[in-house]
Amino acid sequence: MSAFISFSVVLFNIIGVITVLSENVPVPENVRVISINLGLVLEWDPPQTTNNHPFKYTAELKGWRGYDPVCQNSSSLTCDFTDNVTIFGSYQLRVRTELDGETSDWVETKQVAVDKITEISAPHVELRSNNGQTEVDITDPPMKRKNLRDVFGNISYLIRFWKKGESNKVKLKREQSRVMLPKVKPLENYCVEVEVLYLKNKTSQPSNMTCLKNSPSNETEPWLIAVMLLISFLVVLVAVLLIFMAVWYSYKGYRIVFPNDNLPEHLKQPNPARDRSNTKTLTSLHHLPGALEHAPLRRALIHPLNTCK
């Protein structure tokens, strides 16, 4: 009986010493779960003590058969569980402090689902300008597992752009990864910032502000096109009028140089009454002084038809 009592006392003392040692090893502080781009990392801060102890840490993942160690006796303040989990699973993690073969109590996290808690890093943005238009080219951030669209399905982009030096920003929501900025002016500097929209109401980290000077435009303004059309019409109209006038005056000049000398038919027919009148006139001319000077006139009166031919 006394032997049993002695054994009980020794066992009690051992348990008490272990308990005291465990209480003397402080637990990790500020334990937190970090998930970026579908990864899963457990982070913590070292215990706040006056002594600078070389603490070690062990972190475990709860599986179907209990907890499995992932990081053991490590001096790092982080443990990466990404390769030990699936994207759509729900997990619980824990970590403890170790010092000189002694350990602290476990600090456990709540159940976490990777696809629900993960944060998406900023997308990559490039700007291109051509013919007075600015195009935004967006590249999704790389994921630790699979890719962004395979996990979240249809994602979209929140695009903010503004003229450099101004505070007024224009917002666009687009599903395409290439977007032409609307209503931008040539030769102006524009800045762009993009976020990924996923899970309906969650956004990624914003991209870096990217700026570019818009190129000159080769497009003609509508009012200038109208003016050019009007000027072209007037030029064609004036040209047509000049051609018409040139043809008309050329024809008139030709008729003056080469008149139409064909007599009417009634003048070509013999007329006895006219011939007698011409004979009388010729007889009277014989009695006039200088009758010889009027010989051509006399011949014209006698042969009017021959003279006109």
Protein backbone atom coordinates (compact mmCIF):
# COMPACT_ATOMS: atom_id res chain seq x y z
CA MET A 1 0.00 0.00 0.00
CA SER A 2 2.80 2.36 0.86
CA ALA A 3 4.48 1.53 -2.45
CA PHE A 4 1.33 2.49 -4.35
CA ILE A 5 1.12 5.79 -2.46
CA SER A 6 4.75 6.54 -3.22
CA PHE A 7 4.21 5.82 -6.93
CA SER A 8 1.17 8.08 -7.00
CA VAL A 9 3.12 10.91 -5.40
CA VAL A 10 5.94 10.56 -7.90
CA LEU A 11 3.51 10.45 -10.83
CA PHE A 12 1.71 13.49 -9.51
CA ASN A 13 4.98 15.36 -9.19
CA ILE A 14 5.99 14.43 -12.77
CA ILE A 15 2.66 15.60 -14.16
CA GLY A 16 2.98 18.80 -12.14
CA VAL A 17 6.46 19.46 -13.47
CA ILE A 18 5.34 18.85 -17.08
CA THR A 19 2.40 21.19 -16.57
CA VAL A 20 4.61 23.88 -15.12
CA LEU A 21 7.12 23.51 -17.99
CA SER A 22 4.29 23.68 -20.54
CA GLU A 23 2.99 26.81 -18.92
CA ASN A 24 6.50 28.26 -18.97
CA VAL A 25 6.69 27.96 -22.81
CA PRO A 26 4.55 30.80 -24.17
CA VAL A 27 2.25 30.26 -27.13
CA PRO A 28 2.71 32.03 -30.49
CA GLU A 29 0.94 35.35 -30.75
CA ASN A 30 -1.22 36.97 -33.41
CA VAL A 31 -1.82 33.69 -35.28
CA ARG A 32 -3.45 34.37 -38.64
CA VAL A 33 -4.37 32.58 -41.86
CA ILE A 34 -3.24 34.22 -45.11
CA SER A 35 -4.57 33.18 -48.51
CA ILE A 36 -3.38 35.00 -51.63
CA ASN A 37 -4.03 33.71 -55.13
CA LEU A 38 -5.52 30.45 -53.74
CA GLY A 39 -2.55 29.66 -51.53
CA LEU A 40 -2.86 28.86 -47.80
CA VAL A 41 -0.25 30.12 -45.32
CA LEU A 42 -0.29 30.25 -41.52
CA GLU A 43 1.61 33.15 -39.95
CA TRP A 44 2.29 34.14 -36.35
CA ASP A 45 4.43 36.37 -34.18
CA PRO A 46 6.96 35.10 -31.60
CA PRO A 47 5.99 35.18 -27.93
CA GLN A 48 6.70 38.45 -26.17
CA THR A 49 9.20 37.58 -23.46
CA THR A 50 12.02 39.40 -21.71
CA ASN A 51 14.41 36.59 -22.55
CA ASN A 52 15.62 36.14 -26.11
CA HIS A 53 14.88 32.41 -26.40
CA PRO A 54 15.54 30.52 -29.67
CA PHE A 55 11.95 29.33 -30.10
CA LYS A 56 10.99 26.62 -32.57
CA TYR A 57 7.52 26.02 -33.96
CA THR A 58 5.41 23.16 -35.25
CA ALA A 59 2.34 23.72 -37.41
CA GLU A 60 -0.23 21.08 -38.31
CA LEU A 61 -3.21 20.61 -40.62
CA LYS A 62 -6.37 18.82 -39.52
CA GLY A 63 -7.30 16.05 -41.91
CA TRP A 64 -9.72 13.14 -41.95
CA ARG A 65 -7.72 11.19 -39.38
CA GLY A 66 -6.72 14.11 -37.15
CA TYR A 67 -3.88 16.58 -37.33
CA ASP A 68 -0.90 16.00 -39.62
CA PRO A 69 2.37 17.95 -39.15
CA VAL A 70 3.40 20.13 -42.08
CA CYS A 71 6.14 22.28 -40.53
CA GLN A 72 8.11 20.72 -37.66
CA ASN A 73 10.68 22.21 -35.31
CA SER A 74 11.05 25.25 -37.59
CA SER A 75 12.39 28.66 -36.66
CA SER A 76 10.30 30.32 -39.38
CA LEU A 77 7.24 32.35 -38.41
CA THR A 78 5.23 31.00 -41.35
CA CYS A 79 4.09 27.63 -42.64
CA ASP A 80 2.86 27.11 -46.21
CA PHE A 81 -0.01 24.58 -46.49
CA THR A 82 -0.75 25.26 -50.18
CA ASP A 83 0.47 21.87 -51.45
CA ASN A 84 -1.46 20.03 -48.75
CA VAL A 85 -4.93 21.41 -49.43
CA THR A 86 -7.45 21.58 -52.26
CA ILE A 87 -9.06 24.77 -53.53
CA PHE A 88 -12.62 23.99 -52.48
CA GLY A 89 -11.83 22.26 -49.16
CA SER A 90 -12.39 23.51 -45.61
CA TYR A 91 -9.48 23.24 -43.17
CA GLN A 92 -8.38 23.93 -39.60
CA LEU A 93 -4.78 24.73 -38.68
CA ARG A 94 -2.82 24.94 -35.43
CA VAL A 95 0.66 25.93 -34.22
CA ARG A 96 2.68 25.70 -31.01
CA THR A 97 5.98 26.94 -29.60
CA GLU A 98 8.85 24.60 -28.73
CA LEU A 99 11.81 25.32 -26.46
CA ASP A 100 14.47 22.91 -25.22
CA GLY A 101 12.27 19.88 -25.82
CA GLU A 102 9.26 21.49 -24.15
CA THR A 103 6.16 22.77 -25.96
CA SER A 104 3.42 25.31 -25.46
CA ASP A 105 -0.27 24.75 -25.86
CA TRP A 106 -1.68 24.60 -29.37
CA VAL A 107 -3.23 27.68 -30.92
CA GLU A 108 -5.95 26.59 -33.32
CA THR A 109 -7.64 28.53 -36.10
CA LYS A 110 -11.24 28.42 -37.20
CA GLN A 111 -12.35 26.34 -40.18
CA VAL A 112 -11.36 28.13 -43.38
CA ALA A 113 -12.33 27.54 -47.03
CA VAL A 114 -9.57 28.56 -49.43
CA ASP A 115 -11.81 29.79 -52.25
CA LYS A 116 -13.86 31.92 -49.82
CA ILE A 117 -11.07 33.66 -47.92
CA THR A 118 -8.46 34.04 -50.66
CA GLU A 119 -7.40 37.45 -51.89
CA ILE A 120 -6.42 38.10 -55.48
CA SER A 121 -3.32 40.10 -56.23
CA ALA A 122 -3.27 42.98 -58.69
CA PRO A 123 -3.63 42.29 -62.43
CA HIS A 124 -0.96 43.34 -64.89
CA VAL A 125 -1.95 46.30 -67.07
CA GLU A 126 -0.46 47.55 -70.32
CA LEU A 127 -1.58 50.55 -72.38
CA ARG A 128 -1.32 50.93 -76.14
CA SER A 129 -2.27 53.90 -78.28
CA ASN A 130 -2.96 54.00 -82.00
CA ASN A 131 -4.78 56.46 -84.22
CA GLY A 132 -6.03 58.56 -81.31
CA GLN A 133 -7.39 55.59 -79.34
CA THR A 134 -6.05 54.05 -76.11
CA GLU A 135 -6.38 50.31 -75.49
CA VAL A 136 -6.11 48.65 -72.07
CA ASP A 137 -4.62 45.13 -72.08
CA ILE A 138 -5.28 43.24 -68.81
CA THR A 139 -3.50 40.05 -67.72
CA ASP A 140 -4.91 38.04 -64.79
CA PRO A 141 -2.54 37.45 -61.87
CA PRO A 142 -1.07 33.92 -61.70
CA MET A 143 -2.68 31.56 -59.19
CA LYS A 144 -0.95 29.07 -56.90
CA ARG A 145 -3.43 26.41 -58.02
CA LYS A 146 -5.21 26.29 -61.41
CA ASN A 147 -6.11 29.69 -62.84
CA LEU A 148 -8.47 32.47 -61.92
CA ARG A 149 -11.26 31.75 -64.42
CA ASP A 150 -11.27 28.00 -63.72
CA VAL A 151 -12.00 28.68 -60.06
CA PHE A 152 -14.35 31.68 -60.15
CA GLY A 153 -15.93 31.29 -63.58
CA ASN A 154 -16.93 34.56 -65.22
CA ILE A 155 -14.87 37.36 -63.78
CA SER A 156 -14.97 41.01 -64.78
CA TYR A 157 -12.77 44.06 -64.48
CA LEU A 158 -13.32 47.40 -62.81
CA ILE A 159 -11.42 49.99 -64.86
CA ARG A 160 -10.84 53.54 -63.69
CA PHE A 161 -9.21 56.07 -65.99
CA TRP A 162 -8.67 59.80 -65.85
CA LYS A 163 -6.77 62.58 -67.52
CA LYS A 164 -3.42 62.97 -65.84
CA GLY A 165 -3.46 65.83 -63.35
CA GLU A 166 -7.25 65.70 -62.86
CA SER A 167 -9.21 64.09 -60.03
CA ASN A 168 -12.37 63.17 -61.96
CA LYS A 169 -12.22 59.42 -62.72
CA VAL A 170 -14.36 57.49 -65.20
CA LYS A 171 -15.39 53.97 -64.15
CA LEU A 172 -15.97 51.07 -66.54
CA LYS A 173 -17.02 47.47 -65.85
CA ARG A 174 -16.01 45.04 -68.60
CA GLU A 175 -15.68 41.28 -69.00
CA GLN A 176 -13.15 41.53 -71.84
CA SER A 177 -9.44 41.66 -71.05
CA ARG A 178 -8.90 44.18 -73.86
CA VAL A 179 -10.84 47.40 -73.64
CA MET A 180 -10.79 50.61 -75.70
CA LEU A 181 -11.17 53.68 -73.53
CA PRO A 182 -14.14 55.77 -74.70
CA LYS A 183 -14.08 59.49 -75.47
CA VAL A 184 -10.36 60.06 -75.06
CA LYS A 185 -8.74 63.04 -76.75
CA PRO A 186 -5.65 62.79 -78.96
CA LEU A 187 -2.29 63.93 -77.55
CA GLU A 188 -3.60 63.88 -73.95
CA ASN A 189 -2.04 61.91 -71.06
CA TYR A 190 -4.37 59.34 -69.47
CA CYS A 191 -3.85 57.13 -66.40
CA VAL A 192 -5.50 53.76 -65.75
CA GLU A 193 -6.07 51.56 -62.70
CA VAL A 194 -7.71 48.10 -62.82
CA GLU A 195 -9.19 45.67 -60.27
CA VAL A 196 -10.50 42.14 -60.81
CA LEU A 197 -14.12 41.54 -59.74
CA TYR A 198 -14.86 38.01 -58.48
CA LEU A 199 -17.37 36.27 -56.20
CA LYS A 200 -19.86 39.02 -57.15
CA ASN A 201 -18.76 41.50 -54.50
CA LYS A 202 -15.03 40.95 -53.97
CA THR A 203 -12.25 42.86 -55.71
CA SER A 204 -8.58 42.15 -56.17
CA GLN A 205 -5.77 44.42 -55.15
CA PRO A 206 -5.64 47.45 -57.48
CA SER A 207 -3.04 47.51 -60.21
CA ASN A 208 -0.31 50.09 -60.30
CA MET A 209 -1.29 53.38 -61.89
CA THR A 210 -0.27 53.19 -65.55
CA CYS A 211 -0.15 56.35 -67.71
CA LEU A 212 0.28 56.92 -71.45
CA LYS A 213 0.08 59.85 -73.84
CA ASN A 214 -2.59 59.24 -76.45
CA SER A 215 -1.46 59.23 -80.07
CA PRO A 216 -2.63 61.77 -82.69
CA SER A 217 -5.80 60.93 -84.54
CA ASN A 218 -5.92 60.35 -88.30
CA GLU A 219 -9.69 60.70 -88.39
CA THR A 220 -11.18 63.83 -89.94
CA GLU A 221 -13.68 65.86 -87.96
CA PRO A 222 -17.26 65.69 -89.30
CA TRP A 223 -17.50 69.46 -89.78
CA LEU A 224 -14.29 69.43 -91.80
CA ILE A 225 -15.67 66.67 -94.03
CA ALA A 226 -18.81 68.76 -94.66
CA VAL A 227 -16.70 71.81 -95.57
CA MET A 228 -14.57 69.77 -97.94
CA LEU A 229 -17.67 68.36 -99.64
CA LEU A 230 -19.13 71.84 -100.05
CA ILE A 231 -15.90 73.18 -101.51
CA SER A 232 -15.67 70.21 -103.89
CA PHE A 233 -19.24 70.81 -105.06
CA LEU A 234 -18.54 74.49 -105.72
CA VAL A 235 -15.36 73.68 -107.62
CA VAL A 236 -17.20 71.16 -109.83
CA LEU A 237 -20.03 73.63 -110.43
CA VAL A 238 -17.65 76.43 -111.44
CA ALA A 239 -15.74 74.03 -113.71
CA VAL A 240 -18.94 72.94 -115.46
CA LEU A 241 -20.00 76.57 -115.99
CA LEU A 242 -16.59 77.50 -117.41
CA ILE A 243 -16.64 74.54 -119.80
CA PHE A 244 -20.15 75.44 -120.96
CA MET A 245 -19.20 79.08 -121.54
CA ALA A 246 -16.02 78.09 -123.38
CA VAL A 247 -17.97 75.80 -125.71
CA TRP A 248 -20.67 78.44 -126.30
CA TYR A 249 -18.28 81.27 -127.14
CA SER A 250 -16.19 78.95 -129.29
CA TYR A 251 -19.28 78.12 -131.31
CA LYS A 252 -20.22 81.82 -131.65
CA GLY A 253 -16.72 82.66 -132.83
CA TYR A 254 -16.79 79.85 -135.36
CA ARG A 255 -20.10 81.12 -136.77
CA ILE A 256 -18.61 84.60 -137.13
CA VAL A 257 -15.55 83.33 -138.97
CA PHE A 258 -17.47 80.79 -141.04
CA PRO A 259 -21.03 82.13 -141.51
CA ASN A 260 -23.79 80.05 -143.04
CA ASP A 261 -24.16 81.59 -146.63
CA ASN A 262 -26.99 79.42 -147.94
CA LEU A 263 -29.85 81.67 -149.22
CA PRO A 264 -33.49 80.88 -148.60
CA GLU A 265 -35.19 78.99 -151.36
CA HIS A 266 -37.55 81.88 -152.27
CA LEU A 267 -34.55 84.06 -153.07
CA LYS A 268 -33.09 81.39 -155.37
CA GLN A 269 -36.27 81.23 -157.58
CA PRO A 270 -36.47 83.60 -160.71
CA ASN A 271 -38.62 86.68 -160.17
CA PRO A 272 -39.60 88.59 -163.44
CA ALA A 273 -40.89 91.56 -161.52
CA ARG A 274 -37.61 91.91 -159.69
CA ASP A 275 -35.63 91.53 -162.91
CA ARG A 276 -37.62 94.34 -164.61
CA SER A 277 -37.07 96.57 -161.61
CA ASN A 278 -33.35 95.86 -161.78
CA THR A 279 -33.29 96.65 -165.53
CA LYS A 280 -34.94 100.02 -164.95
CA THR A 281 -32.50 100.77 -162.23
CA LEU A 282 -29.58 99.86 -164.49
CA THR A 283 -30.94 102.09 -167.30
CA SER A 284 -31.13 104.99 -164.93
CA LEU A 285 -27.57 104.37 -163.82
CA HIS A 286 -26.32 104.77 -167.43
CA HIS A 287 -27.45 108.33 -167.35
CA LEU A 288 -25.74 109.14 -164.08
CA PRO A 289 -22.29 110.73 -164.03
CA GLY A 290 -19.53 108.14 -163.28
CA ALA A 291 -21.54 105.28 -164.64
CA LEU A 292 -18.38 103.26 -165.07
CA GLU A 293 -17.71 103.42 -161.34
CA HIS A 294 -21.01 101.68 -160.73
CA ALA A 295 -20.28 98.75 -163.02
CA PRO A 296 -20.02 96.22 -160.17
CA LEU A 297 -23.32 97.47 -158.77
CA ARG A 298 -24.86 97.12 -162.17
CA ARG A 299 -23.69 93.57 -162.51
CA ALA A 300 -25.05 92.78 -159.08
CA LEU A 301 -28.45 94.11 -160.05
CA ILE A 302 -28.50 92.13 -163.26
CA HIS A 303 -27.31 88.85 -161.70
CA PRO A 304 -28.24 89.02 -158.05
CA LEU A 305 -28.30 85.29 -157.62
CA ASN A 306 -24.87 84.76 -159.11
CA THR A 307 -23.40 87.48 -156.88
CA CYS A 308 -24.78 85.94 -153.70
CA LYS A 309 -23.48 82.47 -154.43
